[in-house]
Amino acid sequence: MTVASPNLTSAINLARSGQLNDACSVLADLAAKVPSDPEVAFWYGYVLLELGVAAKAVEPLSVAAGHASDSPLQSQFYGLTLTRIGRFEEAIAAFDRALMIDPGFTDALYNRAKALKDQGRIGAAAEAYIEYLARQPNDPDGLYNLANIRFEQNRPAEAVDLFKKLIDSHPLRLDAQTNLALALSQLGELDQAVQQLELVLAVEPTYEAAIRLLHSIQSRRIPGWHLGMLADTTRNQAYDDAIRKAAEGAKHVLDIGTGSGLLAMMAARAGAAKITACEQIPTLAQIAEKIVRKNGFEDRIQIIGKKSMDLEVGEEFSERADLLIAEIFDVGLLGEQCLPTLLHARENLLTPDARIIPAAARIYAALIECEKMRHTRSIADIAGFDMSDFDVFRKLEYSQVDLRSLDHRLLSEPFVVGEYQFDSMSALGTQESRTVSVTETGTCDGVIFWFDLYLDEEISISTAPNAALSHWGQALQMLPQPETLHSGEDFDLICRQDAAGISFLRPG
């Protein structure tokens, strides 16, 4: 019993009965009187954590964990608190302490794996989840998280097996069923993926993730933007200038998503001795080989008909590259899975000091009124015919537009929604609530967004409406319904960013 026993017992009872604010008040007084009492510190930290104020819970839970040499629970809660505030390394150490006290404490194993994943240590997180599942083989969250990691590691077949095992015992896990479809699509099993998504939507017709993925799969068939990209002189000149500065001293250049082979040939022309260029579309890879040979660079450029995430050092990819060139950005920047591709390359294909072109990017957005685009919200009645079934082919994310050719008004100042430093980024998935100040009265039809691509410290490309014309144009995400806004109002948005792209939603 501690010196604070009577009041502590009262506070514990309040906490257990759900009266967290009252318990917090009692515990705060006790913590002020006996700050080093481990039991008081633990319960105070626990209640603060339950109230959602993790930053304040750190100190008392640190005290509790420091005095708990025989109980893993204190270190477990200390680790959870550190995880919530992003102090992952310390959180992992706390979970390790809990496991030293009790090696069979499976909750600490699970939370350690989750902290490793949140820190961006994907490989270590996978090993940790495997260890956890060896003890809890049918735990649905462990299976789900490991399956998602395997997908991020470009091991979709393993992801499929894990998702299927989870679904066998938890058939109503629609998130697992949807991600199973995503993994199947990564394997090229598009028909199976569509069938899986139709099963999900038969259970829950409004399940947003399945709807979006179904539209994404149906809409991606043949890339039709290559010709426009090749004709983009602003893009070509910027890449050529940046490559000339970086390539001459490079020992091995990796060009991801080479397409026609243009950027690889720029590197060869700039003096690079060896270039490996990968292209996942077989037809494009074959044409790139012809183009490289016709231009006389076949002795220095090797075209590999694979995704970069399928390359391994020591096979056809002989050594790590010290310069990476990539132009794998759609109109919304992230839609071609550039982030997981670059993360994989950094970890598996590049030297530690490798340069990356481009080095960084930033996405801007603004609220927009654009009456002409309102008809794109859905396909229904066309020329007197019910065409609603054709709406399944419409992309729900965003569409490419050129604001120069559209009558429009911006209803807010541009605001930054994402910044990426490609040589150091780690997180792939974020969801952030944004409050945008309305500067013009009008009807908000959606969100227009664009990006600046920083090839190096001096050379950049912008797809902003007032920048030089590019093949990208701008990205327009239509809102479900037009909304009347007035100058001076605040407008709430949810900005969601993940490996598949960026999207904007209204709360609720």
Protein backbone atom coordinates (compact mmCIF):
# COMPACT_ATOMS: atom_id res chain seq x y z
CA MET A 1 0.00 0.00 0.00
CA THR A 2 1.24 3.50 -0.76
CA VAL A 3 0.88 6.60 1.36
CA ALA A 4 -1.81 7.68 -1.10
CA SER A 5 -3.82 4.46 -0.75
CA PRO A 6 -7.31 5.74 0.18
CA ASN A 7 -7.46 8.44 -2.45
CA LEU A 8 -5.69 6.24 -4.97
CA THR A 9 -8.27 3.48 -4.49
CA SER A 10 -11.02 6.04 -5.07
CA ALA A 11 -9.31 7.31 -8.24
CA ILE A 12 -8.85 3.76 -9.57
CA ASN A 13 -12.53 3.01 -9.00
CA LEU A 14 -13.48 6.21 -10.82
CA ALA A 15 -11.24 5.28 -13.75
CA ARG A 16 -12.61 1.75 -13.96
CA SER A 17 -16.17 3.08 -13.97
CA GLY A 18 -15.40 5.40 -16.87
CA GLN A 19 -15.31 8.64 -14.88
CA LEU A 20 -11.96 9.60 -16.32
CA ASN A 21 -12.08 13.36 -15.72
CA ASP A 22 -12.92 12.91 -12.03
CA ALA A 23 -10.21 10.26 -11.70
CA CYS A 24 -7.72 12.57 -13.42
CA SER A 25 -8.45 15.38 -10.97
CA VAL A 26 -7.82 13.14 -7.95
CA LEU A 27 -4.69 11.63 -9.48
CA ALA A 28 -3.26 15.03 -10.43
CA ASP A 29 -3.47 16.10 -6.78
CA LEU A 30 -1.86 12.85 -5.65
CA ALA A 31 0.92 13.11 -8.25
CA ALA A 32 1.73 16.61 -7.01
CA LYS A 33 2.04 15.33 -3.43
CA VAL A 34 3.89 12.06 -4.13
CA PRO A 35 5.46 12.49 -7.60
CA SER A 36 7.72 9.46 -7.24
CA ASP A 37 5.02 7.01 -6.16
CA PRO A 38 5.00 4.45 -9.03
CA GLU A 39 1.40 3.33 -8.58
CA VAL A 40 0.07 6.88 -8.52
CA ALA A 41 2.24 7.72 -11.52
CA PHE A 42 1.00 4.69 -13.45
CA TRP A 43 -2.68 5.38 -12.92
CA TYR A 44 -2.25 9.10 -13.59
CA GLY A 45 -0.43 8.35 -16.86
CA TYR A 46 -2.97 5.67 -17.79
CA VAL A 47 -5.92 8.05 -17.29
CA LEU A 48 -4.20 10.83 -19.24
CA LEU A 49 -3.57 8.38 -22.06
CA GLU A 50 -7.22 7.31 -22.08
CA LEU A 51 -8.24 10.99 -22.17
CA GLY A 52 -6.13 11.46 -25.31
CA VAL A 53 -3.42 13.68 -23.85
CA ALA A 54 -0.47 11.38 -24.51
CA ALA A 55 2.13 14.15 -24.27
CA LYS A 56 1.20 14.76 -20.61
CA ALA A 57 1.11 11.03 -19.89
CA VAL A 58 4.78 10.54 -20.77
CA GLU A 59 6.29 11.84 -17.53
CA PRO A 60 4.15 9.88 -15.04
CA LEU A 61 4.36 6.67 -17.07
CA SER A 62 8.13 7.11 -17.29
CA VAL A 63 8.23 7.24 -13.48
CA ALA A 64 6.05 4.12 -13.25
CA ALA A 65 8.11 2.18 -15.78
CA GLY A 66 11.33 3.15 -14.05
CA HIS A 67 10.18 1.60 -10.77
CA ALA A 68 8.56 -1.52 -12.27
CA SER A 69 11.27 -4.15 -12.38
CA ASP A 70 8.87 -7.07 -12.06
CA SER A 71 5.77 -5.98 -14.04
CA PRO A 72 5.70 -5.48 -17.82
CA LEU A 73 2.46 -3.49 -17.83
CA GLN A 74 4.05 -0.16 -16.91
CA SER A 75 6.62 -0.39 -19.69
CA GLN A 76 3.86 -1.45 -22.10
CA PHE A 77 1.76 1.67 -21.40
CA TYR A 78 4.86 3.87 -21.45
CA GLY A 79 5.64 2.48 -24.91
CA LEU A 80 2.08 3.08 -26.13
CA THR A 81 2.30 6.68 -24.98
CA LEU A 82 5.61 7.27 -26.73
CA THR A 83 4.22 5.70 -29.90
CA ARG A 84 1.27 8.09 -29.94
CA ILE A 85 3.56 11.13 -29.85
CA GLY A 86 5.94 9.78 -32.48
CA ARG A 87 8.90 8.89 -30.24
CA PHE A 88 9.21 5.47 -31.83
CA GLU A 89 12.75 4.53 -30.86
CA GLU A 90 12.02 5.09 -27.17
CA ALA A 91 8.69 3.27 -27.54
CA ILE A 92 10.41 0.21 -29.02
CA ALA A 93 12.90 0.25 -26.12
CA ALA A 94 9.98 0.35 -23.66
CA PHE A 95 8.32 -2.65 -25.31
CA ASP A 96 11.68 -4.45 -25.24
CA ARG A 97 11.86 -3.84 -21.48
CA ALA A 98 8.36 -5.27 -21.06
CA LEU A 99 9.43 -8.37 -22.97
CA MET A 100 12.59 -8.75 -20.89
CA ILE A 101 10.39 -8.85 -17.79
CA ASP A 102 7.87 -11.21 -19.41
CA PRO A 103 8.95 -12.82 -22.70
CA GLY A 104 5.44 -14.21 -23.15
CA PHE A 105 3.75 -10.79 -23.04
CA THR A 106 2.17 -10.92 -26.51
CA ASP A 107 0.60 -7.44 -26.30
CA ALA A 108 4.10 -5.96 -26.08
CA LEU A 109 5.19 -8.05 -29.09
CA TYR A 110 2.26 -6.71 -31.12
CA ASN A 111 2.78 -3.09 -30.12
CA ARG A 112 6.52 -3.33 -30.75
CA ALA A 113 5.78 -4.51 -34.30
CA LYS A 114 3.34 -1.65 -34.81
CA ALA A 115 5.86 0.93 -33.55
CA LEU A 116 8.48 -0.40 -35.95
CA LYS A 117 6.02 -0.06 -38.82
CA ASP A 118 5.07 3.48 -37.78
CA GLN A 119 8.76 4.35 -37.65
CA GLY A 120 9.16 3.22 -41.24
CA ARG A 121 11.30 0.15 -40.47
CA ILE A 122 9.24 -2.12 -42.68
CA GLY A 123 11.53 -5.14 -42.71
CA ALA A 124 11.99 -5.15 -38.94
CA ALA A 125 8.24 -4.71 -38.45
CA ALA A 126 7.55 -7.74 -40.66
CA GLU A 127 9.91 -9.90 -38.58
CA ALA A 128 8.25 -8.66 -35.39
CA TYR A 129 4.77 -9.52 -36.66
CA ILE A 130 5.99 -12.99 -37.68
CA GLU A 131 7.25 -13.52 -34.13
CA TYR A 132 3.91 -12.31 -32.75
CA LEU A 133 1.89 -14.55 -35.08
CA ALA A 134 3.98 -17.56 -34.10
CA ARG A 135 2.29 -17.17 -30.69
CA GLN A 136 -1.06 -15.80 -31.86
CA PRO A 137 -1.42 -17.44 -35.32
CA ASN A 138 -5.04 -16.44 -35.91
CA ASP A 139 -4.99 -12.89 -34.55
CA PRO A 140 -6.84 -10.86 -37.19
CA ASP A 141 -4.99 -7.58 -36.60
CA GLY A 142 -1.60 -9.26 -36.71
CA LEU A 143 -2.49 -11.03 -39.98
CA TYR A 144 -3.90 -7.82 -41.46
CA ASN A 145 -0.88 -5.71 -40.58
CA LEU A 146 1.64 -8.27 -41.82
CA ALA A 147 -0.32 -8.70 -45.05
CA ASN A 148 -0.23 -4.95 -45.65
CA ILE A 149 3.52 -4.90 -45.01
CA ARG A 150 4.06 -7.71 -47.49
CA PHE A 151 2.13 -5.69 -50.04
CA GLU A 152 4.32 -2.63 -49.38
CA GLN A 153 7.38 -4.86 -49.78
CA ASN A 154 6.15 -5.88 -53.24
CA ARG A 155 5.38 -9.41 -52.07
CA PRO A 156 1.72 -9.48 -53.11
CA ALA A 157 1.48 -13.29 -53.31
CA GLU A 158 2.32 -13.53 -49.61
CA ALA A 159 -0.10 -10.71 -48.89
CA VAL A 160 -2.83 -12.63 -50.73
CA ASP A 161 -2.21 -15.75 -48.62
CA LEU A 162 -2.32 -13.77 -45.37
CA PHE A 163 -5.49 -11.89 -46.33
CA LYS A 164 -7.17 -15.18 -47.29
CA LYS A 165 -6.23 -16.76 -43.96
CA LEU A 166 -7.71 -13.78 -42.13
CA ILE A 167 -10.89 -13.78 -44.23
CA ASP A 168 -11.43 -17.52 -43.63
CA SER A 169 -11.94 -16.85 -39.92
CA HIS A 170 -13.28 -13.27 -40.17
CA PRO A 171 -15.32 -13.12 -43.40
CA LEU A 172 -16.84 -9.73 -42.53
CA ARG A 173 -13.48 -7.93 -42.44
CA LEU A 174 -14.24 -5.78 -45.46
CA ASP A 175 -10.93 -3.95 -45.12
CA ALA A 176 -9.09 -7.25 -45.53
CA GLN A 177 -11.27 -8.28 -48.47
CA THR A 178 -10.63 -4.93 -50.18
CA ASN A 179 -6.89 -5.13 -49.65
CA LEU A 180 -6.94 -8.69 -50.94
CA ALA A 181 -8.35 -7.26 -54.17
CA LEU A 182 -5.54 -4.70 -54.22
CA ALA A 183 -2.92 -7.43 -53.83
CA LEU A 184 -4.57 -9.50 -56.57
CA SER A 185 -4.48 -6.49 -58.88
CA GLN A 186 -0.77 -6.10 -58.12
CA LEU A 187 -0.31 -9.69 -59.31
CA GLY A 188 -2.13 -8.82 -62.52
CA GLU A 189 -5.19 -10.86 -61.55
CA LEU A 190 -7.56 -8.04 -62.44
CA ASP A 191 -10.61 -10.25 -63.02
CA GLN A 192 -10.20 -11.88 -59.60
CA ALA A 193 -9.66 -8.47 -58.00
CA VAL A 194 -12.87 -7.12 -59.53
CA GLN A 195 -14.80 -10.21 -58.40
CA GLN A 196 -13.48 -9.75 -54.86
CA LEU A 197 -14.54 -6.12 -54.79
CA GLU A 198 -17.99 -7.00 -56.09
CA LEU A 199 -18.34 -9.42 -53.15
CA VAL A 200 -17.46 -6.59 -50.77
CA LEU A 201 -19.94 -4.23 -52.38
CA ALA A 202 -22.66 -6.88 -52.27
CA VAL A 203 -22.29 -6.81 -48.47
CA GLU A 204 -21.81 -3.06 -48.13
CA PRO A 205 -22.70 -1.11 -51.30
CA THR A 206 -21.36 2.17 -49.92
CA TYR A 207 -17.97 0.85 -48.76
CA GLU A 208 -15.80 3.69 -49.97
CA ALA A 209 -12.42 1.95 -50.20
CA ALA A 210 -13.86 -0.85 -52.34
CA ILE A 211 -15.71 1.60 -54.58
CA ARG A 212 -12.56 3.63 -55.16
CA LEU A 213 -10.38 0.60 -55.84
CA LEU A 214 -12.92 -0.86 -58.25
CA HIS A 215 -12.97 2.38 -60.22
CA SER A 216 -9.17 2.57 -60.15
CA ILE A 217 -8.75 -0.97 -61.51
CA GLN A 218 -11.37 -0.46 -64.21
CA SER A 219 -9.81 2.82 -65.32
CA ARG A 220 -6.18 1.72 -65.60
CA ARG A 221 -5.64 -0.18 -68.78
CA ILE A 222 -3.29 1.46 -71.24
CA PRO A 223 -1.26 4.52 -70.34
CA GLY A 224 -2.27 7.14 -72.89
CA TRP A 225 -0.09 9.98 -71.68
CA HIS A 226 3.32 8.93 -73.04
CA LEU A 227 3.14 10.97 -76.24
CA GLY A 228 2.13 14.14 -74.41
CA MET A 229 4.91 13.59 -71.88
CA LEU A 230 7.55 13.14 -74.58
CA ALA A 231 6.42 16.38 -76.23
CA ASP A 232 6.68 18.36 -72.98
CA THR A 233 9.73 20.51 -73.73
CA THR A 234 9.69 22.21 -70.31
CA ARG A 235 9.88 18.87 -68.54
CA ASN A 236 12.49 17.49 -70.92
CA GLN A 237 14.77 20.52 -70.63
CA ALA A 238 14.58 20.61 -66.84
CA TYR A 239 15.44 16.91 -66.55
CA ASP A 240 18.22 17.25 -69.11
CA ASP A 241 19.76 20.18 -67.21
CA ALA A 242 19.62 18.35 -63.87
CA ILE A 243 20.96 15.11 -65.35
CA ARG A 244 23.89 16.92 -67.03
CA LYS A 245 24.90 18.29 -63.62
CA ALA A 246 24.72 14.93 -61.83
CA ALA A 247 25.48 12.17 -64.31
CA GLU A 248 29.08 12.80 -65.34
CA GLY A 249 30.56 11.56 -62.07
CA ALA A 250 28.04 8.79 -61.54
CA LYS A 251 29.32 5.21 -61.64
CA HIS A 252 25.91 3.57 -62.03
CA VAL A 253 22.64 5.29 -62.91
CA LEU A 254 19.23 3.71 -62.28
CA ASP A 255 16.32 5.03 -64.38
CA ILE A 256 12.98 3.88 -62.95
CA GLY A 257 10.01 3.77 -65.32
CA THR A 258 12.13 4.58 -68.36
CA GLY A 259 9.22 4.37 -70.83
CA SER A 260 10.83 5.42 -74.12
CA GLY A 261 14.35 5.45 -72.65
CA LEU A 262 14.65 9.23 -73.00
CA LEU A 263 16.03 10.04 -69.54
CA ALA A 264 18.44 7.09 -69.68
CA MET A 265 19.84 8.43 -72.96
CA MET A 266 20.17 11.89 -71.42
CA ALA A 267 22.31 10.33 -68.69
CA ALA A 268 24.45 8.52 -71.27
CA ARG A 269 24.87 11.72 -73.27
CA ALA A 270 25.92 13.53 -70.09
CA GLY A 271 28.75 11.05 -69.55
CA ALA A 272 27.36 8.34 -67.28
CA ALA A 273 29.32 5.14 -67.84
CA LYS A 274 26.57 2.68 -66.96
CA ILE A 275 22.79 3.05 -66.90
CA THR A 276 20.22 0.46 -65.90
CA ALA A 277 16.72 1.41 -67.05
CA CYS A 278 13.69 -0.58 -65.95
CA GLU A 279 10.21 -0.56 -67.48
CA GLN A 280 7.38 -2.79 -66.28
CA ILE A 281 5.28 -2.61 -69.48
CA PRO A 282 6.80 -5.20 -71.88
CA THR A 283 5.84 -3.34 -75.04
CA LEU A 284 7.46 -0.13 -73.84
CA ALA A 285 10.59 -1.99 -72.73
CA GLN A 286 10.96 -3.49 -76.21
CA ILE A 287 10.52 -0.12 -77.92
CA ALA A 288 13.00 1.50 -75.49
CA GLU A 289 15.62 -1.10 -76.46
CA LYS A 290 15.13 -0.23 -80.14
CA ILE A 291 15.39 3.50 -79.44
CA VAL A 292 18.54 3.08 -77.34
CA ARG A 293 20.15 0.93 -80.02
CA LYS A 294 19.16 3.35 -82.80
CA ASN A 295 20.79 6.22 -80.90
CA GLY A 296 24.00 4.28 -80.29
CA PHE A 297 23.85 3.85 -76.51
CA GLU A 298 23.30 0.09 -76.26
CA ASP A 299 26.83 -0.37 -74.85
CA ARG A 300 26.01 1.76 -71.79
CA ILE A 301 22.26 1.41 -71.30
CA GLN A 302 20.64 -1.86 -70.21
CA ILE A 303 16.84 -2.03 -70.48
CA ILE A 304 15.20 -4.45 -68.04
CA GLY A 305 11.52 -5.29 -68.56
CA LYS A 306 10.62 -5.32 -64.88
CA LYS A 307 9.31 -3.11 -62.13
CA SER A 308 12.15 -1.63 -60.10
CA MET A 309 10.64 -3.30 -57.03
CA ASP A 310 11.36 -6.68 -58.66
CA LEU A 311 15.07 -5.93 -59.12
CA GLU A 312 17.67 -7.48 -56.86
CA VAL A 313 21.32 -6.56 -56.63
CA GLY A 314 23.49 -9.40 -57.85
CA GLU A 315 21.23 -10.66 -60.62
CA GLU A 316 20.61 -8.56 -63.72
CA PHE A 317 21.15 -5.47 -61.54
CA SER A 318 24.87 -5.89 -60.89
CA GLU A 319 25.55 -3.23 -58.25
CA ARG A 320 23.83 -0.49 -56.30
CA ALA A 321 23.37 2.79 -58.16
CA ASP A 322 24.75 6.12 -56.98
CA LEU A 323 22.29 8.17 -59.05
CA LEU A 324 18.55 7.57 -59.39
CA ILE A 325 16.46 9.21 -62.10
CA ALA A 326 12.71 8.85 -61.98
CA GLU A 327 9.76 10.50 -63.65
CA ILE A 328 6.93 8.42 -62.25
CA PHE A 329 4.55 11.20 -61.30
CA ASP A 330 0.97 11.65 -62.42
CA VAL A 331 -1.00 14.88 -62.44
CA GLY A 332 -1.61 14.50 -58.68
CA LEU A 333 2.08 13.58 -58.10
CA LEU A 334 1.46 10.41 -56.06
CA GLY A 335 -0.91 8.36 -58.21
CA GLU A 336 1.73 6.16 -59.88
CA GLN A 337 2.88 4.80 -56.49
CA CYS A 338 6.03 6.90 -56.63
CA LEU A 339 6.49 6.90 -52.84
CA PRO A 340 6.70 3.12 -52.26
CA THR A 341 8.81 2.80 -55.42
CA LEU A 342 11.34 5.37 -54.22
CA LEU A 343 11.39 3.95 -50.70
CA HIS A 344 12.11 0.48 -52.10
CA ALA A 345 14.87 1.82 -54.33
CA ARG A 346 16.53 3.67 -51.45
CA GLU A 347 16.54 0.58 -49.27
CA ASN A 348 17.43 -2.05 -51.85
CA LEU A 349 18.98 -0.57 -55.00
CA LEU A 350 20.92 2.60 -54.11
CA THR A 351 24.17 3.38 -52.33
CA PRO A 352 23.76 5.26 -49.03
CA ASP A 353 25.01 8.51 -50.59
CA ALA A 354 23.07 8.21 -53.85
CA ARG A 355 21.54 11.31 -55.40
CA ILE A 356 17.90 11.23 -56.45
CA ILE A 357 16.44 13.24 -59.33
CA PRO A 358 14.03 14.72 -58.43
CA ALA A 359 15.13 15.52 -54.89
CA ALA A 360 11.84 16.80 -53.47
CA ALA A 361 8.27 17.87 -54.21
CA ARG A 362 5.50 19.97 -52.73
CA ILE A 363 1.74 19.80 -53.42
CA TYR A 364 -0.50 22.88 -53.32
CA ALA A 365 -4.29 23.02 -53.41
CA ALA A 366 -7.12 25.56 -53.54
CA LEU A 367 -10.92 25.57 -53.48
CA ILE A 368 -12.41 26.09 -56.93
CA GLU A 369 -15.64 27.09 -58.63
CA CYS A 370 -15.90 25.48 -62.07
CA GLU A 371 -19.42 25.14 -63.42
CA LYS A 372 -18.28 23.46 -66.64
CA MET A 373 -16.95 20.45 -64.75
CA ARG A 374 -20.10 19.78 -62.70
CA HIS A 375 -21.36 17.28 -65.28
CA THR A 376 -18.37 15.01 -64.53
CA ARG A 377 -19.68 14.06 -61.09
CA SER A 378 -21.56 11.06 -62.44
CA ILE A 379 -22.73 9.38 -65.63
CA ALA A 380 -26.49 8.83 -65.58
CA ASP A 381 -28.91 10.14 -68.23
CA ILE A 382 -27.19 10.60 -71.60
CA ALA A 383 -29.26 11.69 -74.63
CA GLY A 384 -32.35 10.26 -72.96
CA PHE A 385 -30.76 6.90 -72.15
CA ASP A 386 -29.98 5.42 -68.71
CA MET A 387 -26.19 5.07 -68.87
CA SER A 388 -25.60 4.73 -65.12
CA ASP A 389 -23.97 1.28 -65.43
CA PHE A 390 -21.18 2.92 -67.42
CA ASP A 391 -20.36 5.06 -64.40
CA VAL A 392 -18.22 2.21 -63.00
CA PHE A 393 -15.44 3.27 -65.41
CA ARG A 394 -15.28 6.83 -64.05
CA LYS A 395 -12.37 7.62 -61.77
CA LEU A 396 -13.52 8.86 -58.39
CA GLU A 397 -10.16 10.25 -57.32
CA TYR A 398 -9.23 13.23 -59.47
CA SER A 399 -9.09 14.17 -63.12
CA GLN A 400 -6.54 16.00 -65.20
CA VAL A 401 -7.50 19.51 -66.31
CA ASP A 402 -5.85 22.59 -67.76
CA LEU A 403 -7.16 25.62 -65.91
CA ARG A 404 -6.10 27.85 -68.80
CA SER A 405 -8.92 26.38 -70.87
CA LEU A 406 -11.56 26.35 -68.12
CA ASP A 407 -13.72 29.20 -66.90
CA HIS A 408 -13.13 29.05 -63.14
CA ARG A 409 -12.59 31.01 -59.95
CA LEU A 410 -10.36 30.15 -57.01
CA LEU A 411 -12.29 30.57 -53.76
CA SER A 412 -9.25 30.34 -51.47
CA GLU A 413 -5.56 31.10 -51.48
CA PRO A 414 -3.36 28.11 -52.36
CA PHE A 415 -2.33 26.02 -49.35
CA VAL A 416 0.32 23.30 -48.96
CA VAL A 417 -1.05 19.77 -48.51
CA GLY A 418 2.12 17.69 -48.82
CA GLU A 419 5.91 18.02 -48.82
CA TYR A 420 8.29 15.18 -49.73
CA GLN A 421 12.06 14.90 -49.42
CA PHE A 422 12.71 11.79 -51.47
CA ASP A 423 16.07 10.92 -49.91
CA SER A 424 14.73 10.86 -46.34
CA MET A 425 10.94 10.32 -46.27
CA SER A 426 9.51 7.30 -44.48
CA ALA A 427 5.74 7.56 -43.87
CA LEU A 428 3.38 6.48 -46.66
CA GLY A 429 -0.07 7.02 -45.20
CA THR A 430 -1.45 10.19 -43.63
CA GLN A 431 -4.88 11.67 -43.08
CA GLU A 432 -5.11 15.27 -41.98
CA SER A 433 -8.00 17.60 -41.25
CA ARG A 434 -7.58 21.04 -42.81
CA THR A 435 -9.52 24.25 -42.27
CA VAL A 436 -9.35 26.45 -45.35
CA SER A 437 -10.17 30.17 -45.24
CA VAL A 438 -12.63 31.15 -47.98
CA THR A 439 -11.46 34.32 -49.75
CA GLU A 440 -14.13 34.61 -52.46
CA THR A 441 -17.88 34.09 -52.31
CA GLY A 442 -19.05 31.44 -54.76
CA THR A 443 -20.02 27.82 -55.36
CA CYS A 444 -17.31 25.36 -54.40
CA ASP A 445 -17.24 22.50 -56.87
CA GLY A 446 -14.06 20.83 -55.72
CA VAL A 447 -10.37 21.10 -54.96
CA ILE A 448 -7.77 21.95 -57.58
CA PHE A 449 -4.21 20.92 -56.83
CA TRP A 450 -0.78 20.93 -58.44
CA PHE A 451 2.84 20.35 -57.52
CA ASP A 452 6.35 21.76 -57.67
CA LEU A 453 9.03 19.18 -58.47
CA TYR A 454 12.53 20.10 -57.30
CA LEU A 455 15.02 18.21 -59.47
CA ASP A 456 17.91 19.65 -57.47
CA GLU A 457 18.71 22.79 -55.49
CA GLU A 458 18.42 25.03 -58.56
CA ILE A 459 16.19 23.34 -61.13
CA SER A 460 12.46 22.81 -60.66
CA ILE A 461 9.27 22.16 -62.57
CA SER A 462 5.91 23.60 -61.55
CA THR A 463 2.48 22.51 -62.69
CA ALA A 464 0.84 25.57 -61.10
CA PRO A 465 -1.86 27.27 -63.20
CA ASN A 466 0.41 30.28 -63.78
CA ALA A 467 3.52 28.23 -64.63
CA ALA A 468 4.82 27.23 -68.06
CA LEU A 469 2.46 24.87 -69.86
CA SER A 470 3.18 21.21 -69.07
CA HIS A 471 1.66 17.88 -70.10
CA TRP A 472 0.53 17.36 -66.49
CA GLY A 473 -1.82 20.30 -66.16
CA GLN A 474 -3.59 20.34 -62.80
CA ALA A 475 -5.59 17.78 -60.81
CA LEU A 476 -9.24 18.42 -60.01
CA GLN A 477 -11.06 16.50 -57.29
CA MET A 478 -14.79 17.16 -57.49
CA LEU A 479 -16.75 17.23 -54.24
CA PRO A 480 -19.89 15.06 -54.06
CA GLN A 481 -22.12 18.14 -54.25
CA PRO A 482 -21.48 21.83 -54.99
CA GLU A 483 -21.49 23.98 -51.83
CA THR A 484 -22.16 27.70 -51.53
CA LEU A 485 -19.39 29.49 -49.65
CA HIS A 486 -18.98 33.05 -48.45
CA SER A 487 -15.83 35.09 -48.09
CA GLY A 488 -14.48 34.92 -44.55
CA GLU A 489 -15.91 31.47 -43.82
CA ASP A 490 -13.88 28.44 -42.83
CA PHE A 491 -14.22 25.28 -44.94
CA ASP A 492 -13.22 21.94 -43.45
CA LEU A 493 -11.53 19.26 -45.56
CA ILE A 494 -9.89 15.91 -44.95
CA CYS A 495 -6.72 15.38 -46.97
CA ARG A 496 -5.82 11.69 -47.33
CA GLN A 497 -2.42 10.64 -48.69
CA ASP A 498 -1.22 7.07 -49.12
CA ALA A 499 0.76 4.86 -51.45
CA ALA A 500 -1.97 5.02 -54.08
CA GLY A 501 -2.41 8.80 -54.24
CA ILE A 502 -4.08 11.81 -52.68
CA SER A 503 -7.76 12.60 -52.19
CA PHE A 504 -9.92 15.24 -50.52
CA LEU A 505 -13.07 14.50 -48.56
CA ARG A 506 -15.60 16.46 -46.58
CA PRO A 507 -15.89 15.44 -42.90
CA GLY A 508 -18.86 13.35 -41.84
